[in-house]
Amino acid sequence: MNVIAIVGPTASGKSALALRAAERAGGEIVSADSRQVYRGMDIGTAKPSLAAQRAVRHHCIDLVDPGELYDAARYQRDARAALADIASRGLTAYLVGGTGLYVRALLDGLALDAAPTDPALRAMLEARAELEGGPALHRELARIDPAAAERVDPRNVRRVVRYLEVALLAGRVPAERDAKIDCPRIGLDPPRAWLDARIGARVRRMVDDGVLAETRRLVERGLDPGLPSMSGHGYVHWAAHLRDELTLEAAIAATAKDVRAYSRRQLTWFRRDPDVRWIDPTAADPLALIDAVAA
């Protein structure tokens, strides 16, 4: 199985790099983005353009309706199937995305399928998280399974709730399977000022591309704002603007602020991975690094 992973913060150029590499090598792209799996959420999630999808086959985008729940375990199954399909045709798969848990679930073989679930317990924990906050539940997780607590950011409330649910049901959170995918991992790490400017420009471009109309269609469908699909950066602010609760400039500023904060969390996650080889895409062409690791 020939796989090359391209990771890093949002707006760092991962998708463009993967497209260049895949076009040149005749490979295919597997997305590792937890929001691009939702149909009808194209602009707000910076999904690959139709032109890019025509140029190179993409996998693991547009998999489910925004009203459906989709998690890392489902992604793991879907992405494994995509990699197997690509390998069966003798092609290189370029795994590209910024959702660290999805990347780790796929490449490091987290035992997500084996994790038990209890919807009633999860609902109770989610209610507690609302009252007590994520850090309180994270401390409880640390008492039950310290190793699992080290693997999850206390600010990632949804993940803390899931980990604590599994820990309470099984006594611990499964760490890894034996089956891992050994492959080069390329990380894009541009200067912070450059990245922040790119994020600001991307958010404004979303408005020009029609993100408000896209958000209006989602809202008119009656989707619960609490759904994971709707928690993607920007949609909550675009919806607030459509309700006349925010000016357009305020919605743009709030979205850009959220995305910049998210990009910092992405870097924190990926920098924990000692296998990632980092490169500043503003100082050197990362395609040369892909050539080097693929040789």
C-alpha atoms as a PDB file:
ATOM      1  CA  MET A   1       0.000   0.000   0.000  1.00  0.00           C
ATOM      2  CA  ASN A   2       1.628   3.229  -1.205  1.00  0.00           C
ATOM      3  CA  VAL A   3       0.443   6.142   0.963  1.00  0.00           C
ATOM      4  CA  ILE A   4       1.817   9.634   1.575  1.00  0.00           C
ATOM      5  CA  ALA A   5       0.199  11.792   4.266  1.00  0.00           C
ATOM      6  CA  ILE A   6       0.107  15.582   4.046  1.00  0.00           C
ATOM      7  CA  VAL A   7      -0.949  17.268   7.291  1.00  0.00           C
ATOM      8  CA  GLY A   8      -0.877  20.660   8.960  1.00  0.00           C
ATOM      9  CA  PRO A   9      -3.092  23.632   9.771  1.00  0.00           C
ATOM     10  CA  THR A  10      -5.970  24.861   7.680  1.00  0.00           C
ATOM     11  CA  ALA A  11      -5.091  27.182   4.773  1.00  0.00           C
ATOM     12  CA  SER A  12      -1.447  26.044   4.754  1.00  0.00           C
ATOM     13  CA  GLY A  13      -1.698  24.668   1.216  1.00  0.00           C
ATOM     14  CA  LYS A  14      -2.236  20.960   1.887  1.00  0.00           C
ATOM     15  CA  SER A  15      -4.964  20.416  -0.706  1.00  0.00           C
ATOM     16  CA  ALA A  16      -3.114  22.263  -3.464  1.00  0.00           C
ATOM     17  CA  LEU A  17       0.050  20.290  -2.728  1.00  0.00           C
ATOM     18  CA  ALA A  18      -1.796  16.967  -2.763  1.00  0.00           C
ATOM     19  CA  LEU A  19      -3.461  17.904  -6.045  1.00  0.00           C
ATOM     20  CA  ARG A  20      -0.105  18.740  -7.669  1.00  0.00           C
ATOM     21  CA  ALA A  21       1.468  15.519  -6.413  1.00  0.00           C
ATOM     22  CA  ALA A  22      -1.469  13.321  -7.399  1.00  0.00           C
ATOM     23  CA  GLU A  23      -1.823  14.862 -10.858  1.00  0.00           C
ATOM     24  CA  ARG A  24       1.840  14.324 -11.583  1.00  0.00           C
ATOM     25  CA  ALA A  25       1.971  10.753 -10.255  1.00  0.00           C
ATOM     26  CA  GLY A  26      -1.467   9.631 -11.395  1.00  0.00           C
ATOM     27  CA  GLY A  27      -2.522   9.060  -7.776  1.00  0.00           C
ATOM     28  CA  GLU A  28      -5.704   9.729  -5.870  1.00  0.00           C
ATOM     29  CA  ILE A  29      -6.570  11.803  -2.792  1.00  0.00           C
ATOM     30  CA  VAL A  30      -8.156  10.631   0.461  1.00  0.00           C
ATOM     31  CA  SER A  31      -9.525  13.478   2.568  1.00  0.00           C
ATOM     32  CA  ALA A  32      -9.027  13.514   6.330  1.00  0.00           C
ATOM     33  CA  ASP A  33     -11.374  16.383   7.122  1.00  0.00           C
ATOM     34  CA  SER A  34     -14.219  15.890   9.583  1.00  0.00           C
ATOM     35  CA  ARG A  35     -16.442  18.502   7.899  1.00  0.00           C
ATOM     36  CA  GLN A  36     -15.888  17.702   4.241  1.00  0.00           C
ATOM     37  CA  VAL A  37     -17.672  14.378   4.732  1.00  0.00           C
ATOM     38  CA  TYR A  38     -20.999  16.295   4.731  1.00  0.00           C
ATOM     39  CA  ARG A  39     -22.914  16.842   1.515  1.00  0.00           C
ATOM     40  CA  GLY A  40     -24.054  20.370   0.739  1.00  0.00           C
ATOM     41  CA  MET A  41     -21.400  21.985   2.931  1.00  0.00           C
ATOM     42  CA  ASP A  42     -18.928  22.909   0.238  1.00  0.00           C
ATOM     43  CA  ILE A  43     -17.935  26.549   0.631  1.00  0.00           C
ATOM     44  CA  GLY A  44     -17.835  26.740   4.413  1.00  0.00           C
ATOM     45  CA  THR A  45     -15.630  23.642   4.646  1.00  0.00           C
ATOM     46  CA  ALA A  46     -13.278  24.716   1.820  1.00  0.00           C
ATOM     47  CA  LYS A  47     -14.055  21.475  -0.012  1.00  0.00           C
ATOM     48  CA  PRO A  48     -12.007  20.736  -3.157  1.00  0.00           C
ATOM     49  CA  SER A  49     -13.502  22.439  -6.188  1.00  0.00           C
ATOM     50  CA  LEU A  50     -15.347  20.481  -8.853  1.00  0.00           C
ATOM     51  CA  ALA A  51     -12.433  21.183 -11.174  1.00  0.00           C
ATOM     52  CA  ALA A  52     -10.010  19.639  -8.670  1.00  0.00           C
ATOM     53  CA  GLN A  53     -12.268  16.624  -8.245  1.00  0.00           C
ATOM     54  CA  ARG A  54     -12.448  16.167 -12.012  1.00  0.00           C
ATOM     55  CA  ALA A  55      -8.666  16.394 -12.292  1.00  0.00           C
ATOM     56  CA  VAL A  56      -7.976  13.886  -9.501  1.00  0.00           C
ATOM     57  CA  ARG A  57     -10.311  11.382  -7.901  1.00  0.00           C
ATOM     58  CA  HIS A  58     -11.074  12.300  -4.278  1.00  0.00           C
ATOM     59  CA  HIS A  59     -12.294   9.929  -1.575  1.00  0.00           C
ATOM     60  CA  CYS A  60     -14.015  10.503   1.797  1.00  0.00           C
ATOM     61  CA  ILE A  61     -15.860  13.675   0.879  1.00  0.00           C
ATOM     62  CA  ASP A  62     -19.643  14.026   0.472  1.00  0.00           C
ATOM     63  CA  LEU A  63     -20.250  10.782   2.350  1.00  0.00           C
ATOM     64  CA  VAL A  64     -23.254  11.645   4.529  1.00  0.00           C
ATOM     65  CA  ASP A  65     -26.102  14.113   4.982  1.00  0.00           C
ATOM     66  CA  PRO A  66     -25.430  16.978   7.459  1.00  0.00           C
ATOM     67  CA  GLY A  67     -28.185  15.602   9.680  1.00  0.00           C
ATOM     68  CA  GLU A  68     -26.318  12.328  10.187  1.00  0.00           C
ATOM     69  CA  LEU A  69     -23.762  11.711  12.893  1.00  0.00           C
ATOM     70  CA  TYR A  70     -20.326  10.792  11.610  1.00  0.00           C
ATOM     71  CA  ASP A  71     -17.367   9.985  13.804  1.00  0.00           C
ATOM     72  CA  ALA A  72     -13.753   8.833  13.681  1.00  0.00           C
ATOM     73  CA  ALA A  73     -14.738   5.150  13.756  1.00  0.00           C
ATOM     74  CA  ARG A  74     -16.849   5.533  10.608  1.00  0.00           C
ATOM     75  CA  TYR A  75     -14.094   7.539   8.976  1.00  0.00           C
ATOM     76  CA  GLN A  76     -11.585   4.831   9.818  1.00  0.00           C
ATOM     77  CA  ARG A  77     -13.699   2.229   8.022  1.00  0.00           C
ATOM     78  CA  ASP A  78     -14.419   4.452   5.024  1.00  0.00           C
ATOM     79  CA  ALA A  79     -10.812   5.592   4.629  1.00  0.00           C
ATOM     80  CA  ARG A  80      -9.452   2.053   4.928  1.00  0.00           C
ATOM     81  CA  ALA A  81     -11.804   0.970   2.163  1.00  0.00           C
ATOM     82  CA  ALA A  82     -10.639   3.896   0.014  1.00  0.00           C
ATOM     83  CA  LEU A  83      -6.971   3.057   0.566  1.00  0.00           C
ATOM     84  CA  ALA A  84      -7.602  -0.597  -0.288  1.00  0.00           C
ATOM     85  CA  ASP A  85      -9.402   0.423  -3.474  1.00  0.00           C
ATOM     86  CA  ILE A  86      -6.572   2.734  -4.530  1.00  0.00           C
ATOM     87  CA  ALA A  87      -3.938   0.092  -3.740  1.00  0.00           C
ATOM     88  CA  SER A  88      -5.843  -2.528  -5.752  1.00  0.00           C
ATOM     89  CA  ARG A  89      -5.308  -0.349  -8.811  1.00  0.00           C
ATOM     90  CA  GLY A  90      -1.606   0.109  -8.108  1.00  0.00           C
ATOM     91  CA  LEU A  91      -1.856   3.839  -7.411  1.00  0.00           C
ATOM     92  CA  THR A  92      -0.436   6.129  -4.737  1.00  0.00           C
ATOM     93  CA  ALA A  93      -2.877   7.502  -2.169  1.00  0.00           C
ATOM     94  CA  TYR A  94      -2.318  11.010  -0.856  1.00  0.00           C
ATOM     95  CA  LEU A  95      -3.959  11.337   2.552  1.00  0.00           C
ATOM     96  CA  VAL A  96      -4.577  15.034   3.128  1.00  0.00           C
ATOM     97  CA  GLY A  97      -6.358  16.865   5.898  1.00  0.00           C
ATOM     98  CA  GLY A  98      -6.200  18.712   9.162  1.00  0.00           C
ATOM     99  CA  THR A  99      -8.408  16.572  11.417  1.00  0.00           C
ATOM    100  CA  GLY A 100      -5.726  15.062  13.603  1.00  0.00           C
ATOM    101  CA  LEU A 101      -7.916  12.379  15.137  1.00  0.00           C
ATOM    102  CA  TYR A 102      -8.941  11.124  11.698  1.00  0.00           C
ATOM    103  CA  VAL A 103      -5.331  10.952  10.546  1.00  0.00           C
ATOM    104  CA  ARG A 104      -4.271   9.127  13.680  1.00  0.00           C
ATOM    105  CA  ALA A 105      -7.266   6.785  13.610  1.00  0.00           C
ATOM    106  CA  LEU A 106      -6.334   5.713  10.098  1.00  0.00           C
ATOM    107  CA  LEU A 107      -2.544   5.616  10.210  1.00  0.00           C
ATOM    108  CA  ASP A 108      -1.963   4.564  13.823  1.00  0.00           C
ATOM    109  CA  GLY A 109      -4.862   2.119  13.902  1.00  0.00           C
ATOM    110  CA  LEU A 110      -6.785   3.373  16.922  1.00  0.00           C
ATOM    111  CA  ALA A 111      -9.147   0.655  18.154  1.00  0.00           C
ATOM    112  CA  LEU A 112     -12.274   2.733  17.645  1.00  0.00           C
ATOM    113  CA  ASP A 113     -14.511  -0.065  16.420  1.00  0.00           C
ATOM    114  CA  ALA A 114     -13.988  -1.917  19.693  1.00  0.00           C
ATOM    115  CA  ALA A 115     -15.028   1.019  21.876  1.00  0.00           C
ATOM    116  CA  PRO A 116     -18.428   0.463  23.562  1.00  0.00           C
ATOM    117  CA  THR A 117     -21.159   3.085  23.456  1.00  0.00           C
ATOM    118  CA  ASP A 118     -24.189   3.982  25.548  1.00  0.00           C
ATOM    119  CA  PRO A 119     -26.358   6.842  24.185  1.00  0.00           C
ATOM    120  CA  ALA A 120     -27.999   7.475  27.584  1.00  0.00           C
ATOM    121  CA  LEU A 121     -24.638   7.726  29.331  1.00  0.00           C
ATOM    122  CA  ARG A 122     -23.294  10.004  26.624  1.00  0.00           C
ATOM    123  CA  ALA A 123     -26.316  12.305  26.932  1.00  0.00           C
ATOM    124  CA  MET A 124     -25.748  12.508  30.678  1.00  0.00           C
ATOM    125  CA  LEU A 125     -22.078  13.328  30.192  1.00  0.00           C
ATOM    126  CA  GLU A 126     -22.903  15.976  27.603  1.00  0.00           C
ATOM    127  CA  ALA A 127     -25.305  17.581  30.077  1.00  0.00           C
ATOM    128  CA  ARG A 128     -22.589  17.521  32.742  1.00  0.00           C
ATOM    129  CA  ALA A 129     -20.150  19.095  30.299  1.00  0.00           C
ATOM    130  CA  GLU A 130     -22.580  21.959  29.789  1.00  0.00           C
ATOM    131  CA  LEU A 131     -22.780  22.559  33.541  1.00  0.00           C
ATOM    132  CA  GLU A 132     -19.265  21.697  34.697  1.00  0.00           C
ATOM    133  CA  GLY A 133     -17.165  22.291  31.587  1.00  0.00           C
ATOM    134  CA  GLY A 134     -14.861  20.001  29.644  1.00  0.00           C
ATOM    135  CA  PRO A 135     -11.856  20.305  32.009  1.00  0.00           C
ATOM    136  CA  ALA A 136     -13.906  18.852  34.892  1.00  0.00           C
ATOM    137  CA  LEU A 137     -14.765  15.778  32.852  1.00  0.00           C
ATOM    138  CA  HIS A 138     -11.164  15.576  31.673  1.00  0.00           C
ATOM    139  CA  ARG A 139     -10.003  15.390  35.309  1.00  0.00           C
ATOM    140  CA  GLU A 140     -12.434  12.523  35.895  1.00  0.00           C
ATOM    141  CA  LEU A 141     -11.095  10.768  32.816  1.00  0.00           C
ATOM    142  CA  ALA A 142      -7.550  11.219  34.141  1.00  0.00           C
ATOM    143  CA  ARG A 143      -8.496   9.436  37.383  1.00  0.00           C
ATOM    144  CA  ILE A 144      -9.917   6.475  35.450  1.00  0.00           C
ATOM    145  CA  ASP A 145      -7.451   6.277  32.549  1.00  0.00           C
ATOM    146  CA  PRO A 146      -4.478   8.665  32.800  1.00  0.00           C
ATOM    147  CA  ALA A 147      -3.004   7.466  29.495  1.00  0.00           C
ATOM    148  CA  ALA A 148      -6.232   8.244  27.634  1.00  0.00           C
ATOM    149  CA  ALA A 149      -6.446  11.669  29.261  1.00  0.00           C
ATOM    150  CA  GLU A 150      -3.010  12.519  27.889  1.00  0.00           C
ATOM    151  CA  ARG A 151      -4.240  11.777  24.376  1.00  0.00           C
ATOM    152  CA  VAL A 152      -7.152  14.220  24.374  1.00  0.00           C
ATOM    153  CA  ASP A 153      -7.201  18.022  24.692  1.00  0.00           C
ATOM    154  CA  PRO A 154      -9.399  19.133  27.649  1.00  0.00           C
ATOM    155  CA  ARG A 155     -10.836  21.848  25.381  1.00  0.00           C
ATOM    156  CA  ASN A 156     -12.119  19.244  22.927  1.00  0.00           C
ATOM    157  CA  VAL A 157     -15.307  18.679  24.906  1.00  0.00           C
ATOM    158  CA  ARG A 158     -16.909  16.308  22.407  1.00  0.00           C
ATOM    159  CA  ARG A 159     -13.878  14.034  22.444  1.00  0.00           C
ATOM    160  CA  VAL A 160     -13.500  14.223  26.229  1.00  0.00           C
ATOM    161  CA  VAL A 161     -17.122  13.131  26.575  1.00  0.00           C
ATOM    162  CA  ARG A 162     -16.549  10.186  24.223  1.00  0.00           C
ATOM    163  CA  TYR A 163     -13.364   9.113  25.982  1.00  0.00           C
ATOM    164  CA  LEU A 164     -15.033   9.321  29.384  1.00  0.00           C
ATOM    165  CA  GLU A 165     -18.026   7.365  28.096  1.00  0.00           C
ATOM    166  CA  VAL A 166     -15.747   4.542  26.946  1.00  0.00           C
ATOM    167  CA  ALA A 167     -13.666   4.672  30.114  1.00  0.00           C
ATOM    168  CA  LEU A 168     -16.754   4.379  32.326  1.00  0.00           C
ATOM    169  CA  LEU A 169     -18.110   1.471  30.269  1.00  0.00           C
ATOM    170  CA  ALA A 170     -14.886  -0.447  29.668  1.00  0.00           C
ATOM    171  CA  GLY A 171     -12.518   0.749  32.392  1.00  0.00           C
ATOM    172  CA  ARG A 172     -10.107   2.227  29.858  1.00  0.00           C
ATOM    173  CA  VAL A 173      -9.992   3.748  26.379  1.00  0.00           C
ATOM    174  CA  PRO A 174      -8.416   1.390  23.811  1.00  0.00           C
ATOM    175  CA  ALA A 175      -5.210   2.954  22.563  1.00  0.00           C
ATOM    176  CA  GLU A 176      -4.152   1.272  19.337  1.00  0.00           C
ATOM    177  CA  ARG A 177      -4.579  -1.721  17.113  1.00  0.00           C
ATOM    178  CA  ASP A 178      -1.615  -3.687  15.879  1.00  0.00           C
ATOM    179  CA  ALA A 179      -2.470  -2.821  12.264  1.00  0.00           C
ATOM    180  CA  LYS A 180      -0.788   0.470  11.427  1.00  0.00           C
ATOM    181  CA  ILE A 181      -0.026   2.123   8.133  1.00  0.00           C
ATOM    182  CA  ASP A 182       3.624   3.069   7.877  1.00  0.00           C
ATOM    183  CA  CYS A 183       3.980   5.927   5.453  1.00  0.00           C
ATOM    184  CA  PRO A 184       5.778   9.254   5.057  1.00  0.00           C
ATOM    185  CA  ARG A 185       4.056  12.095   6.898  1.00  0.00           C
ATOM    186  CA  ILE A 186       4.702  15.578   5.521  1.00  0.00           C
ATOM    187  CA  GLY A 187       3.672  18.554   7.665  1.00  0.00           C
ATOM    188  CA  LEU A 188       3.244  22.085   6.323  1.00  0.00           C
ATOM    189  CA  ASP A 189       4.331  24.721   8.833  1.00  0.00           C
ATOM    190  CA  PRO A 190       4.282  28.215   7.303  1.00  0.00           C
ATOM    191  CA  PRO A 191       5.030  31.421   9.252  1.00  0.00           C
ATOM    192  CA  ARG A 192       2.175  32.418  11.535  1.00  0.00           C
ATOM    193  CA  ALA A 193       1.648  35.869   9.961  1.00  0.00           C
ATOM    194  CA  TRP A 194       1.470  34.321   6.473  1.00  0.00           C
ATOM    195  CA  LEU A 195      -1.026  31.701   7.653  1.00  0.00           C
ATOM    196  CA  ASP A 196      -3.214  34.229   9.488  1.00  0.00           C
ATOM    197  CA  ALA A 197      -3.360  36.393   6.364  1.00  0.00           C
ATOM    198  CA  ARG A 198      -4.310  33.371   4.244  1.00  0.00           C
ATOM    199  CA  ILE A 199      -7.084  32.476   6.672  1.00  0.00           C
ATOM    200  CA  GLY A 200      -8.474  36.002   6.563  1.00  0.00           C
ATOM    201  CA  ALA A 201      -8.425  36.010   2.765  1.00  0.00           C
ATOM    202  CA  ARG A 202     -10.053  32.571   2.631  1.00  0.00           C
ATOM    203  CA  VAL A 203     -12.923  33.642   4.880  1.00  0.00           C
ATOM    204  CA  ARG A 204     -13.621  36.709   2.742  1.00  0.00           C
ATOM    205  CA  ARG A 205     -13.457  34.578  -0.382  1.00  0.00           C
ATOM    206  CA  MET A 206     -16.086  32.273   1.127  1.00  0.00           C
ATOM    207  CA  VAL A 207     -18.485  35.211   1.259  1.00  0.00           C
ATOM    208  CA  ASP A 208     -17.781  36.037  -2.384  1.00  0.00           C
ATOM    209  CA  ASP A 209     -18.292  32.375  -3.300  1.00  0.00           C
ATOM    210  CA  GLY A 210     -21.736  32.194  -1.693  1.00  0.00           C
ATOM    211  CA  VAL A 211     -21.328  30.838   1.844  1.00  0.00           C
ATOM    212  CA  LEU A 212     -24.316  32.883   3.040  1.00  0.00           C
ATOM    213  CA  ALA A 213     -26.621  31.240   0.501  1.00  0.00           C
ATOM    214  CA  GLU A 214     -25.169  27.852   1.451  1.00  0.00           C
ATOM    215  CA  THR A 215     -25.823  28.547   5.128  1.00  0.00           C
ATOM    216  CA  ARG A 216     -29.355  29.739   4.383  1.00  0.00           C
ATOM    217  CA  ARG A 217     -30.123  26.442   2.631  1.00  0.00           C
ATOM    218  CA  LEU A 218     -28.826  24.485   5.639  1.00  0.00           C
ATOM    219  CA  VAL A 219     -30.815  26.591   8.121  1.00  0.00           C
ATOM    220  CA  GLU A 220     -33.983  26.272   6.048  1.00  0.00           C
ATOM    221  CA  ARG A 221     -33.633  22.501   6.264  1.00  0.00           C
ATOM    222  CA  GLY A 222     -34.082  22.812  10.025  1.00  0.00           C
ATOM    223  CA  LEU A 223     -30.732  21.325  10.946  1.00  0.00           C
ATOM    224  CA  ASP A 224     -30.013  21.452  14.667  1.00  0.00           C
ATOM    225  CA  PRO A 225     -27.252  24.021  15.307  1.00  0.00           C
ATOM    226  CA  GLY A 226     -25.805  21.571  17.830  1.00  0.00           C
ATOM    227  CA  LEU A 227     -25.064  18.948  15.183  1.00  0.00           C
ATOM    228  CA  PRO A 228     -21.356  18.266  14.582  1.00  0.00           C
ATOM    229  CA  SER A 229     -21.833  19.225  10.932  1.00  0.00           C
ATOM    230  CA  MET A 230     -23.050  22.696  11.883  1.00  0.00           C
ATOM    231  CA  SER A 231     -20.253  23.281  14.379  1.00  0.00           C
ATOM    232  CA  GLY A 232     -17.781  23.776  11.544  1.00  0.00           C
ATOM    233  CA  HIS A 233     -16.024  27.117  11.640  1.00  0.00           C
ATOM    234  CA  GLY A 234     -18.169  29.922  10.344  1.00  0.00           C
ATOM    235  CA  TYR A 235     -21.625  28.413   9.985  1.00  0.00           C
ATOM    236  CA  VAL A 236     -22.754  29.608  13.406  1.00  0.00           C
ATOM    237  CA  HIS A 237     -21.590  33.148  12.591  1.00  0.00           C
ATOM    238  CA  TRP A 238     -23.028  33.146   9.071  1.00  0.00           C
ATOM    239  CA  ALA A 239     -26.352  31.975  10.533  1.00  0.00           C
ATOM    240  CA  ALA A 240     -26.232  34.736  13.150  1.00  0.00           C
ATOM    241  CA  HIS A 241     -25.702  37.274  10.366  1.00  0.00           C
ATOM    242  CA  LEU A 242     -28.693  35.896   8.473  1.00  0.00           C
ATOM    243  CA  ARG A 243     -30.771  36.436  11.658  1.00  0.00           C
ATOM    244  CA  ASP A 244     -29.537  40.051  11.772  1.00  0.00           C
ATOM    245  CA  GLU A 245     -27.669  39.350  14.993  1.00  0.00           C
ATOM    246  CA  LEU A 246     -24.241  40.130  13.496  1.00  0.00           C
ATOM    247  CA  THR A 247     -23.109  42.478  10.781  1.00  0.00           C
ATOM    248  CA  LEU A 248     -21.371  40.827   7.867  1.00  0.00           C
ATOM    249  CA  GLU A 249     -18.023  42.292   8.929  1.00  0.00           C
ATOM    250  CA  ALA A 250     -18.536  40.983  12.467  1.00  0.00           C
ATOM    251  CA  ALA A 251     -19.370  37.516  11.116  1.00  0.00           C
ATOM    252  CA  ILE A 252     -16.251  37.569   8.935  1.00  0.00           C
ATOM    253  CA  ALA A 253     -14.075  38.661  11.862  1.00  0.00           C
ATOM    254  CA  ALA A 254     -15.545  36.045  14.218  1.00  0.00           C
ATOM    255  CA  THR A 255     -15.091  33.280  11.661  1.00  0.00           C
ATOM    256  CA  ALA A 256     -11.500  34.252  10.933  1.00  0.00           C
ATOM    257  CA  LYS A 257     -10.755  34.387  14.657  1.00  0.00           C
ATOM    258  CA  ASP A 258     -12.194  30.891  15.174  1.00  0.00           C
ATOM    259  CA  VAL A 259     -10.280  29.437  12.245  1.00  0.00           C
ATOM    260  CA  ARG A 260      -7.000  30.998  13.397  1.00  0.00           C
ATOM    261  CA  ALA A 261      -7.490  29.515  16.863  1.00  0.00           C
ATOM    262  CA  TYR A 262      -8.309  26.146  15.305  1.00  0.00           C
ATOM    263  CA  SER A 263      -5.164  26.268  13.177  1.00  0.00           C
ATOM    264  CA  ARG A 264      -3.089  26.666  16.342  1.00  0.00           C
ATOM    265  CA  ARG A 265      -4.748  23.625  17.892  1.00  0.00           C
ATOM    266  CA  GLN A 266      -4.073  21.641  14.726  1.00  0.00           C
ATOM    267  CA  LEU A 267      -0.382  22.455  14.923  1.00  0.00           C
ATOM    268  CA  THR A 268      -0.288  21.487  18.591  1.00  0.00           C
ATOM    269  CA  TRP A 269      -1.834  18.109  17.731  1.00  0.00           C
ATOM    270  CA  PHE A 270       0.384  17.283  14.783  1.00  0.00           C
ATOM    271  CA  ARG A 271       3.581  18.421  16.499  1.00  0.00           C
ATOM    272  CA  ARG A 272       3.075  15.609  18.994  1.00  0.00           C
ATOM    273  CA  ASP A 273       3.671  13.150  16.159  1.00  0.00           C
ATOM    274  CA  PRO A 274       7.422  12.445  15.898  1.00  0.00           C
ATOM    275  CA  ASP A 275       6.957  10.899  12.454  1.00  0.00           C
ATOM    276  CA  VAL A 276       5.922  14.147  10.771  1.00  0.00           C
ATOM    277  CA  ARG A 277       8.608  15.796   8.650  1.00  0.00           C
ATOM    278  CA  TRP A 278       7.961  19.522   8.721  1.00  0.00           C
ATOM    279  CA  ILE A 279       8.561  22.024   5.947  1.00  0.00           C
ATOM    280  CA  ASP A 280       7.849  25.738   5.532  1.00  0.00           C
ATOM    281  CA  PRO A 281       6.022  25.943   2.171  1.00  0.00           C
ATOM    282  CA  THR A 282       6.955  29.615   1.847  1.00  0.00           C
ATOM    283  CA  ALA A 283      10.680  28.793   1.970  1.00  0.00           C
ATOM    284  CA  ALA A 284      10.841  25.674  -0.213  1.00  0.00           C
ATOM    285  CA  ASP A 285       8.584  23.713  -2.528  1.00  0.00           C
ATOM    286  CA  PRO A 286       7.229  20.814  -0.441  1.00  0.00           C
ATOM    287  CA  LEU A 287       6.733  18.804  -3.621  1.00  0.00           C
ATOM    288  CA  ALA A 288      10.496  18.235  -3.570  1.00  0.00           C
ATOM    289  CA  LEU A 289      10.159  16.685  -0.097  1.00  0.00           C
ATOM    290  CA  ILE A 290       7.404  14.416  -1.362  1.00  0.00           C
ATOM    291  CA  ASP A 291       9.733  13.335  -4.167  1.00  0.00           C
ATOM    292  CA  ALA A 292      12.469  12.613  -1.616  1.00  0.00           C
ATOM    293  CA  VAL A 293      10.305  10.500   0.699  1.00  0.00           C
ATOM    294  CA  ALA A 294       8.688   8.667  -2.211  1.00  0.00           C
ATOM    295  CA  ALA A 295      12.005   7.727  -3.803  1.00  0.00           C
END
